[in-house]
Amino acid sequence: MTIQEVFAIHIYHGYIGQLFLAEMLFLPVLKHRKYFWLRLIGSALVYALLSIVTTNLLYQIIIGLSSITIFLFSLGMCAFSFQSKFKDVLYCCIGAQLIQNLSHNLENLIYLPLRNYFNNVGWFFLSMGMLVVVYSLAYVFIIRRQILKKGFPLKSWSVLAIATASALFCYLMQFLLQYYKLDTYWITTLPLILCDILALIIIFGLVGYKQKVDENLYLEHFIAQSDRYYKSVRDNIDLLNLKAHDLKHFLSNAEGKAVLDEESLAELKKTVDSYETMVNTGNKGLDYVCADVSHTCQKKHITFSINAEGVILSFLTLGDLTSLFSNLLSNAVEYEEKVKEEGKRYILLKVISYGKMVSIHVENYCPTPVPFQNGYPLTTKADSRLHGFGTKSIVYIAKKYHGTVTMSQSGDIFQTDILFPEQGKRENVSD
């Protein structure tokens, strides 16, 4: 080969630019290295040069290896430019390759049967038009709605292995069609298009499914911790009530004696009474959660009102019940702590039968507008992926019992409403 032939640019080199653009769709997903743009521009030039030279040399030996060769060079470019773990970079590059391949095969589905009606300019605009359409759809439905919304990076090696196998199968199909010179028939593009679509569904759908499974497992673990919380609260409140009862007995004996002045004695009796009073809703699990919240509200000067028929919650397991109400009420307490005017701090809990439904209503004072997304308030914590599990566990438990959750803000009131279908009576939740 001459030097000119080694560096010659052919029509199949269009794959170099198309793959590069497909990989750039994942710019918002992957972490950038220091001096990212300098690295990207420099490595892109090297990637293009090596791809042109190497594929020209390979083309003299065997047809069909150009695509995978260019892909490997592009993978090196991305690994050099992005700081994310290599498995995340590889996963995105595989996705980019499948997106590009889908665009190319859809283009051929139109071009091959009508090639006699296309000149080079028309072919170019067909190729660019299909690229814009497919890449735009891929960004909206795969990157923005799937990855950016549900989080990244990839956590499962098994998903990566399936993604790699899917991409290799598509490469093999393409290679065999080129090797046996069947890729000039438009009918062969149909199985390739199907392979691309199925591979994209598999690799990105599996990530979404795996994330959902992992989240549900975490939520179950999160809910299971409520048993420990319940036992700890129960033991602490029982001990407080016992001590309060003993102290109350002591104060009764001390009345009329010069132990304390009347004002101090009255204040001490008031404090003891507040600790001895036990919430009685008809459900011991709910009683202990409400008693714990009530004591917290007293310390933080929050008015806590309860109107609850606890017996109608007997269908909930102890873990689900304590997790549900501790999250509902702790979210409210956390917000009320931020309200500067103590006189306006309040939380209301209502649990009542509503026809054939069980209704749970929690409201609290909330003068600041709350941002919502998909019907639920956005977490105010710095890392939304590590927080917001309180709301997620509330929704998860409600769905487990075929219930619905509605969260809304009306004026200065934030309210959460949960409706469960009537599920029959069961023995009261025991301690």
Protein backbone atom coordinates (compact mmCIF):
# COMPACT_ATOMS: atom_id res chain seq x y z
CA MET A 1 0.00 0.00 0.00
CA THR A 2 1.12 3.54 -0.68
CA ILE A 3 1.17 6.26 1.98
CA GLN A 4 -1.82 7.88 0.29
CA GLU A 5 -3.78 4.62 0.52
CA VAL A 6 -2.90 4.18 4.20
CA PHE A 7 -4.28 7.64 5.10
CA ALA A 8 -7.11 7.68 2.55
CA ILE A 9 -10.60 8.47 3.89
CA HIS A 10 -13.37 6.22 2.58
CA ILE A 11 -17.13 6.28 3.00
CA TYR A 12 -17.08 3.56 5.68
CA HIS A 13 -15.00 5.92 7.83
CA GLY A 14 -18.20 7.86 8.47
CA TYR A 15 -18.70 5.36 11.31
CA ILE A 16 -15.85 7.09 13.17
CA GLY A 17 -17.71 10.37 13.46
CA GLN A 18 -21.10 8.77 14.04
CA LEU A 19 -19.80 6.64 16.92
CA PHE A 20 -18.05 9.66 18.44
CA LEU A 21 -21.32 11.65 18.40
CA ALA A 22 -23.22 8.71 19.93
CA GLU A 23 -20.68 8.51 22.76
CA MET A 24 -20.96 12.24 23.36
CA LEU A 25 -24.65 11.70 24.19
CA PHE A 26 -23.38 10.26 27.48
CA LEU A 27 -21.46 13.42 28.45
CA PRO A 28 -23.93 14.26 31.28
CA VAL A 29 -23.67 10.71 32.66
CA LEU A 30 -19.93 10.15 33.04
CA LYS A 31 -17.57 12.09 35.31
CA HIS A 32 -14.99 14.22 33.50
CA ARG A 33 -11.28 14.08 34.17
CA LYS A 34 -9.22 17.18 34.85
CA TYR A 35 -8.59 19.19 31.67
CA PHE A 36 -11.47 17.23 30.14
CA TRP A 37 -11.94 19.19 26.92
CA LEU A 38 -8.21 19.24 26.21
CA ARG A 39 -8.07 15.49 26.80
CA LEU A 40 -11.16 14.87 24.68
CA ILE A 41 -10.03 16.93 21.69
CA GLY A 42 -6.52 15.45 21.75
CA SER A 43 -7.66 11.85 22.16
CA ALA A 44 -10.39 12.33 19.52
CA LEU A 45 -7.76 13.34 16.96
CA VAL A 46 -5.66 10.29 17.87
CA TYR A 47 -8.78 8.09 17.75
CA ALA A 48 -9.68 9.34 14.27
CA LEU A 49 -6.13 8.95 12.92
CA LEU A 50 -5.64 5.42 14.31
CA SER A 51 -9.11 4.37 13.13
CA ILE A 52 -8.45 5.54 9.56
CA VAL A 53 -4.99 3.99 9.29
CA THR A 54 -5.79 0.69 11.02
CA THR A 55 -9.04 0.05 9.16
CA ASN A 56 -7.36 0.80 5.81
CA LEU A 57 -4.74 -1.82 6.65
CA LEU A 58 -7.31 -4.35 7.92
CA TYR A 59 -9.47 -3.85 4.84
CA GLN A 60 -6.67 -5.39 2.78
CA ILE A 61 -6.82 -8.53 4.93
CA ILE A 62 -10.43 -9.17 5.90
CA ILE A 63 -13.72 -7.30 5.52
CA GLY A 64 -15.90 -6.74 8.58
CA LEU A 65 -13.40 -5.97 11.36
CA SER A 66 -13.45 -2.20 10.86
CA SER A 67 -16.37 -1.55 13.21
CA ILE A 68 -14.99 -3.38 16.24
CA THR A 69 -11.54 -1.87 15.68
CA ILE A 70 -12.94 1.65 15.62
CA PHE A 71 -15.03 0.85 18.70
CA LEU A 72 -11.95 -0.25 20.67
CA PHE A 73 -10.10 2.96 19.77
CA SER A 74 -13.13 5.01 20.81
CA LEU A 75 -13.28 3.11 24.12
CA GLY A 76 -9.66 4.09 24.77
CA MET A 77 -10.51 7.72 23.96
CA CYS A 78 -13.39 7.69 26.47
CA ALA A 79 -11.36 5.95 29.18
CA PHE A 80 -8.69 8.64 28.77
CA SER A 81 -11.23 11.49 28.95
CA PHE A 82 -13.69 10.29 31.62
CA GLN A 83 -12.96 9.71 35.29
CA SER A 84 -15.79 7.20 35.85
CA LYS A 85 -15.02 3.54 36.50
CA PHE A 86 -14.01 1.62 33.41
CA LYS A 87 -17.08 -0.64 33.58
CA ASP A 88 -19.31 2.45 33.48
CA VAL A 89 -17.39 3.85 30.49
CA LEU A 90 -17.60 0.48 28.72
CA TYR A 91 -21.33 0.25 29.40
CA CYS A 92 -21.96 3.70 27.91
CA CYS A 93 -19.76 2.98 24.89
CA ILE A 94 -21.67 -0.24 24.22
CA GLY A 95 -24.92 1.71 24.42
CA ALA A 96 -23.51 4.34 22.04
CA GLN A 97 -22.42 1.68 19.56
CA LEU A 98 -25.89 0.10 19.55
CA ILE A 99 -27.52 3.51 19.08
CA GLN A 100 -25.23 4.25 16.12
CA ASN A 101 -25.82 0.81 14.65
CA LEU A 102 -29.58 1.24 14.90
CA SER A 103 -29.35 4.58 13.10
CA HIS A 104 -27.18 3.04 10.37
CA ASN A 105 -29.49 0.06 9.81
CA LEU A 106 -32.61 2.21 9.70
CA GLU A 107 -30.84 4.38 7.13
CA ASN A 108 -30.03 1.28 5.03
CA LEU A 109 -33.63 0.07 5.32
CA ILE A 110 -34.61 3.16 3.31
CA TYR A 111 -31.51 3.62 1.16
CA LEU A 112 -30.85 0.09 -0.16
CA PRO A 113 -34.19 -0.51 -1.95
CA LEU A 114 -34.16 3.08 -3.28
CA ARG A 115 -30.46 3.55 -3.99
CA ASN A 116 -31.08 4.30 -7.66
CA TYR A 117 -33.05 7.39 -6.65
CA PHE A 118 -30.34 8.79 -4.36
CA ASN A 119 -27.23 10.72 -5.35
CA ASN A 120 -24.40 11.28 -2.86
CA VAL A 121 -25.95 14.51 -1.56
CA GLY A 122 -29.31 12.86 -1.01
CA TRP A 123 -27.65 9.90 0.74
CA PHE A 124 -25.75 12.28 3.01
CA PHE A 125 -28.91 14.10 4.10
CA LEU A 126 -30.73 10.79 4.63
CA SER A 127 -27.88 9.59 6.83
CA MET A 128 -27.73 12.85 8.84
CA GLY A 129 -31.51 13.02 9.18
CA MET A 130 -31.75 9.47 10.51
CA LEU A 131 -28.83 10.14 12.86
CA VAL A 132 -30.51 13.24 14.31
CA VAL A 133 -33.82 11.45 14.81
CA VAL A 134 -32.41 8.28 16.40
CA TYR A 135 -29.84 10.10 18.58
CA SER A 136 -32.45 12.57 19.81
CA LEU A 137 -34.87 9.79 20.73
CA ALA A 138 -32.07 7.86 22.42
CA TYR A 139 -31.10 10.88 24.50
CA VAL A 140 -34.67 11.56 25.62
CA PHE A 141 -35.79 8.00 26.36
CA ILE A 142 -32.53 6.32 27.40
CA ILE A 143 -30.19 8.91 28.84
CA ARG A 144 -32.48 11.58 30.27
CA ARG A 145 -35.44 9.44 31.40
CA GLN A 146 -33.57 6.26 32.28
CA ILE A 147 -30.03 7.01 33.41
CA LEU A 148 -30.11 10.63 34.59
CA LYS A 149 -33.47 10.21 36.33
CA LYS A 150 -32.76 6.88 38.03
CA GLY A 151 -29.12 7.37 38.75
CA PHE A 152 -25.74 6.05 37.72
CA PRO A 153 -23.17 4.41 37.90
CA LEU A 154 -23.73 0.79 36.96
CA LYS A 155 -23.57 -1.45 40.04
CA SER A 156 -23.99 -4.90 38.55
CA TRP A 157 -21.28 -6.80 36.66
CA SER A 158 -23.92 -9.27 35.47
CA VAL A 159 -25.76 -6.47 33.64
CA LEU A 160 -22.48 -5.38 32.05
CA ALA A 161 -21.78 -8.96 30.96
CA ILE A 162 -25.22 -9.20 29.32
CA ALA A 163 -24.68 -5.81 27.66
CA THR A 164 -21.32 -6.93 26.28
CA ALA A 165 -22.75 -10.21 25.02
CA SER A 166 -25.64 -8.39 23.33
CA ALA A 167 -23.27 -5.98 21.57
CA LEU A 168 -20.96 -8.80 20.46
CA PHE A 169 -23.93 -10.68 19.02
CA CYS A 170 -24.92 -7.62 16.99
CA TYR A 171 -21.30 -7.25 15.83
CA LEU A 172 -21.21 -10.92 14.81
CA MET A 173 -24.42 -10.57 12.80
CA GLN A 174 -23.06 -7.50 11.04
CA PHE A 175 -19.69 -9.15 10.41
CA LEU A 176 -21.23 -12.28 8.87
CA LEU A 177 -23.45 -10.26 6.57
CA GLN A 178 -20.49 -8.18 5.40
CA TYR A 179 -18.18 -11.21 5.08
CA TYR A 180 -20.66 -13.07 2.89
CA LYS A 181 -21.57 -9.84 1.07
CA LEU A 182 -25.22 -10.03 2.09
CA ASP A 183 -25.33 -6.54 3.60
CA THR A 184 -26.26 -5.04 0.21
CA TYR A 185 -29.74 -6.57 0.45
CA TRP A 186 -32.18 -4.39 2.34
CA ILE A 187 -34.02 -7.38 3.78
CA THR A 188 -30.96 -8.21 5.91
CA THR A 189 -31.33 -4.93 7.78
CA LEU A 190 -34.55 -6.10 9.47
CA PRO A 191 -32.94 -8.70 11.80
CA LEU A 192 -30.13 -6.22 12.52
CA ILE A 193 -32.63 -3.53 13.51
CA LEU A 194 -34.44 -6.02 15.72
CA CYS A 195 -31.15 -7.07 17.34
CA ASP A 196 -30.23 -3.44 18.06
CA ILE A 197 -33.61 -2.61 19.58
CA LEU A 198 -33.70 -5.76 21.72
CA ALA A 199 -30.12 -5.21 22.89
CA LEU A 200 -30.90 -1.60 23.92
CA ILE A 201 -34.02 -2.73 25.77
CA ILE A 202 -32.10 -5.49 27.50
CA ILE A 203 -29.09 -3.50 28.65
CA PHE A 204 -30.89 -0.32 29.71
CA GLY A 205 -34.06 -2.08 30.87
CA LEU A 206 -31.99 -4.43 33.02
CA VAL A 207 -30.29 -1.50 34.74
CA GLY A 208 -33.67 0.03 35.59
CA TYR A 209 -34.97 -3.33 36.79
CA LYS A 210 -31.84 -4.03 38.84
CA GLN A 211 -32.01 -0.59 40.43
CA LYS A 212 -35.65 -1.16 41.34
CA VAL A 213 -34.88 -4.55 42.88
CA ASP A 214 -31.95 -3.11 44.85
CA GLU A 215 -34.10 -0.21 46.06
CA ASN A 216 -36.89 -2.54 47.17
CA LEU A 217 -34.39 -4.72 49.05
CA TYR A 218 -33.02 -1.63 50.75
CA LEU A 219 -36.54 -0.46 51.61
CA GLU A 220 -37.37 -3.84 53.14
CA HIS A 221 -34.18 -3.58 55.21
CA PHE A 222 -35.07 0.01 56.04
CA ILE A 223 -38.54 -1.07 57.19
CA ALA A 224 -37.13 -4.01 59.15
CA GLN A 225 -35.12 -1.56 61.25
CA SER A 226 -38.45 -0.26 62.55
CA ASP A 227 -38.77 -3.39 64.69
CA ARG A 228 -35.63 -2.35 66.54
CA TYR A 229 -36.89 1.21 66.71
CA TYR A 230 -40.23 0.01 68.09
CA LYS A 231 -38.64 -2.17 70.79
CA SER A 232 -36.25 0.60 71.79
CA VAL A 233 -39.08 3.15 71.99
CA ARG A 234 -41.31 0.69 73.86
CA ASP A 235 -38.64 -0.08 76.45
CA ASN A 236 -37.73 3.59 76.92
CA ILE A 237 -41.34 4.72 77.28
CA ASP A 238 -42.21 1.88 79.66
CA LEU A 239 -39.20 2.80 81.79
CA LEU A 240 -40.14 6.49 81.71
CA ASN A 241 -43.70 5.70 82.69
CA LEU A 242 -42.51 3.52 85.55
CA LYS A 243 -40.15 6.21 86.84
CA ALA A 244 -42.83 8.86 86.35
CA HIS A 245 -45.29 6.77 88.34
CA ASP A 246 -42.80 6.35 91.21
CA LEU A 247 -41.98 10.06 91.16
CA LYS A 248 -45.67 10.95 91.13
CA HIS A 249 -46.18 8.77 94.20
CA PHE A 250 -43.29 10.56 95.88
CA LEU A 251 -44.79 13.97 95.01
CA SER A 252 -48.17 12.95 96.42
CA ASN A 253 -46.49 12.11 99.71
CA ALA A 254 -44.53 15.36 99.55
CA GLU A 255 -47.61 17.58 99.23
CA GLY A 256 -48.10 19.77 102.28
CA LYS A 257 -44.51 19.26 103.36
CA ALA A 258 -41.73 21.77 102.98
CA VAL A 259 -39.92 19.79 100.34
CA LEU A 260 -40.49 22.22 97.47
CA ASP A 261 -42.30 25.50 97.08
CA GLU A 262 -45.79 25.27 95.56
CA GLU A 263 -44.78 26.69 92.15
CA SER A 264 -41.87 24.28 91.75
CA LEU A 265 -44.00 21.39 92.95
CA ALA A 266 -46.75 22.22 90.42
CA GLU A 267 -44.22 22.46 87.55
CA LEU A 268 -42.65 19.16 88.51
CA LYS A 269 -46.06 17.46 88.69
CA LYS A 270 -46.94 18.84 85.25
CA THR A 271 -43.72 17.40 83.81
CA VAL A 272 -44.29 14.03 85.44
CA ASP A 273 -47.89 13.89 84.17
CA SER A 274 -46.73 14.55 80.62
CA TYR A 275 -44.37 11.57 80.75
CA GLU A 276 -46.81 9.26 82.48
CA THR A 277 -49.59 9.90 79.98
CA MET A 278 -49.66 7.12 77.40
CA VAL A 279 -51.31 7.55 74.00
CA ASN A 280 -54.16 5.06 73.61
CA THR A 281 -55.30 4.52 70.02
CA GLY A 282 -56.24 0.85 70.31
CA ASN A 283 -53.06 -0.26 68.58
CA LYS A 284 -49.98 -0.74 70.74
CA GLY A 285 -47.53 -0.25 67.88
CA LEU A 286 -49.11 3.08 66.96
CA ASP A 287 -49.36 4.02 70.66
CA TYR A 288 -45.62 3.74 71.20
CA VAL A 289 -44.72 5.59 67.99
CA CYS A 290 -47.12 8.42 68.86
CA ALA A 291 -45.90 8.54 72.46
CA ASP A 292 -42.31 8.89 71.27
CA VAL A 293 -43.27 11.63 68.79
CA SER A 294 -45.40 13.34 71.44
CA HIS A 295 -42.45 13.59 73.83
CA THR A 296 -40.28 14.97 71.02
CA CYS A 297 -42.95 17.53 70.16
CA GLN A 298 -43.19 18.65 73.80
CA LYS A 299 -39.46 19.31 73.90
CA LYS A 300 -39.56 21.21 70.62
CA HIS A 301 -42.77 23.15 71.43
CA ILE A 302 -44.82 21.54 68.66
CA THR A 303 -48.55 20.99 69.14
CA PHE A 304 -49.27 17.34 68.31
CA SER A 305 -52.93 16.34 67.94
CA ILE A 306 -54.04 12.72 67.49
CA ASN A 307 -57.41 11.37 66.40
CA ALA A 308 -56.76 7.75 65.58
CA GLU A 309 -58.75 4.52 65.50
CA GLY A 310 -55.70 2.31 65.78
CA VAL A 311 -57.66 -0.93 65.69
CA ILE A 312 -58.47 -0.47 62.00
CA LEU A 313 -54.72 -0.73 61.24
CA SER A 314 -54.51 -4.33 62.46
CA PHE A 315 -53.85 -5.57 58.90
CA LEU A 316 -50.42 -3.87 58.92
CA THR A 317 -47.45 -5.86 60.21
CA LEU A 318 -45.63 -4.32 63.15
CA GLY A 319 -42.59 -3.43 61.02
CA ASP A 320 -44.68 -1.81 58.30
CA LEU A 321 -46.84 0.08 60.80
CA THR A 322 -43.96 1.52 62.80
CA SER A 323 -41.98 2.37 59.67
CA LEU A 324 -44.98 4.04 58.04
CA PHE A 325 -45.94 6.25 60.98
CA SER A 326 -42.43 7.00 62.20
CA ASN A 327 -41.54 8.28 58.72
CA LEU A 328 -44.79 10.21 58.32
CA LEU A 329 -44.40 11.92 61.69
CA SER A 330 -40.61 12.36 61.73
CA ASN A 331 -40.82 14.16 58.37
CA ALA A 332 -43.37 16.53 59.88
CA VAL A 333 -41.36 17.05 63.08
CA GLU A 334 -38.21 17.75 61.06
CA TYR A 335 -39.99 20.52 59.18
CA GLU A 336 -41.73 22.04 62.22
CA GLU A 337 -38.36 22.42 63.95
CA LYS A 338 -37.47 24.96 61.26
CA VAL A 339 -40.56 27.11 61.89
CA LYS A 340 -39.37 30.12 63.88
CA GLU A 341 -42.76 31.04 65.41
CA GLU A 342 -43.33 28.35 68.02
CA GLY A 343 -47.05 29.20 68.30
CA LYS A 344 -47.60 28.07 64.69
CA ARG A 345 -45.88 24.71 65.02
CA TYR A 346 -48.39 21.90 64.85
CA ILE A 347 -48.88 18.36 63.55
CA LEU A 348 -52.21 16.60 63.15
CA LEU A 349 -52.65 12.83 62.77
CA LYS A 350 -56.01 11.31 61.86
CA VAL A 351 -56.69 7.60 61.30
CA ILE A 352 -60.34 6.89 60.52
CA SER A 353 -62.61 4.54 58.57
CA TYR A 354 -63.91 6.12 55.39
CA GLY A 355 -66.57 3.93 53.85
CA LYS A 356 -64.77 0.72 52.98
CA MET A 357 -61.42 2.48 53.16
CA VAL A 358 -58.91 3.16 55.91
CA SER A 359 -57.81 6.79 55.80
CA ILE A 360 -54.57 8.15 57.25
CA HIS A 361 -54.17 11.91 57.22
CA VAL A 362 -51.13 13.84 58.45
CA GLU A 363 -50.78 17.59 58.16
CA ASN A 364 -48.39 20.19 59.48
CA TYR A 365 -47.76 23.91 59.21
CA CYS A 366 -45.64 24.67 56.16
CA PRO A 367 -45.46 28.31 54.99
CA THR A 368 -42.63 27.69 52.50
CA PRO A 369 -43.55 26.36 49.00
CA VAL A 370 -42.42 22.74 48.63
CA PRO A 371 -40.96 21.65 45.26
CA PHE A 372 -42.63 18.50 43.90
CA GLN A 373 -41.55 15.97 41.30
CA ASN A 374 -43.84 13.18 40.08
CA GLY A 375 -46.32 13.97 42.86
CA TYR A 376 -43.84 13.77 45.74
CA PRO A 377 -41.69 16.43 47.44
CA LEU A 378 -38.07 16.64 46.39
CA THR A 379 -35.56 15.86 49.09
CA THR A 380 -33.63 18.84 50.42
CA LYS A 381 -30.57 16.69 51.20
CA ALA A 382 -27.41 17.21 49.17
CA ASP A 383 -27.41 13.74 47.57
CA SER A 384 -30.93 12.76 46.54
CA ARG A 385 -29.83 9.21 45.76
CA LEU A 386 -28.77 8.62 49.37
CA HIS A 387 -31.77 10.36 50.93
CA GLY A 388 -35.52 10.53 50.42
CA PHE A 389 -35.99 6.92 51.53
CA GLY A 390 -38.54 8.07 54.13
CA THR A 391 -40.97 9.09 51.40
CA LYS A 392 -40.05 6.08 49.27
CA SER A 393 -40.74 3.69 52.16
CA ILE A 394 -44.13 5.35 52.78
CA VAL A 395 -45.10 4.84 49.12
CA TYR A 396 -43.64 1.33 49.11
CA ILE A 397 -45.67 0.24 52.16
CA ALA A 398 -48.85 1.80 50.80
CA LYS A 399 -48.47 -0.07 47.49
CA LYS A 400 -47.73 -3.30 49.35
CA TYR A 401 -51.25 -3.15 50.83
CA HIS A 402 -52.84 -1.86 47.58
CA GLY A 403 -53.11 1.65 48.97
CA THR A 404 -52.48 5.08 47.48
CA VAL A 405 -50.43 8.04 48.72
CA THR A 406 -51.20 11.69 47.96
CA MET A 407 -48.92 14.48 49.12
CA SER A 408 -49.89 18.10 48.57
CA GLN A 409 -49.58 21.63 49.86
CA SER A 410 -52.59 23.88 50.34
CA GLY A 411 -51.68 27.37 51.47
CA ASP A 412 -49.58 27.04 54.62
CA ILE A 413 -50.54 23.39 55.17
CA PHE A 414 -48.60 20.38 53.94
CA GLN A 415 -50.64 17.20 54.01
CA THR A 416 -50.20 13.52 53.31
CA ASP A 417 -53.20 11.28 52.70
CA ILE A 418 -53.03 7.50 52.50
CA LEU A 419 -56.00 5.34 51.58
CA PHE A 420 -56.01 1.59 52.15
CA PRO A 421 -58.83 -0.67 50.98
CA GLU A 422 -60.59 -2.46 53.82
CA GLN A 423 -58.66 -5.67 54.45
CA GLY A 424 -60.56 -7.25 57.29
CA LYS A 425 -59.90 -7.24 61.01
CA ARG A 426 -57.00 -8.97 62.61
CA GLU A 427 -55.90 -9.27 66.20
CA ASN A 428 -54.36 -6.11 67.57
CA VAL A 429 -50.67 -5.63 66.86
CA SER A 430 -48.90 -6.89 69.95
CA ASP A 431 -45.70 -5.77 71.50
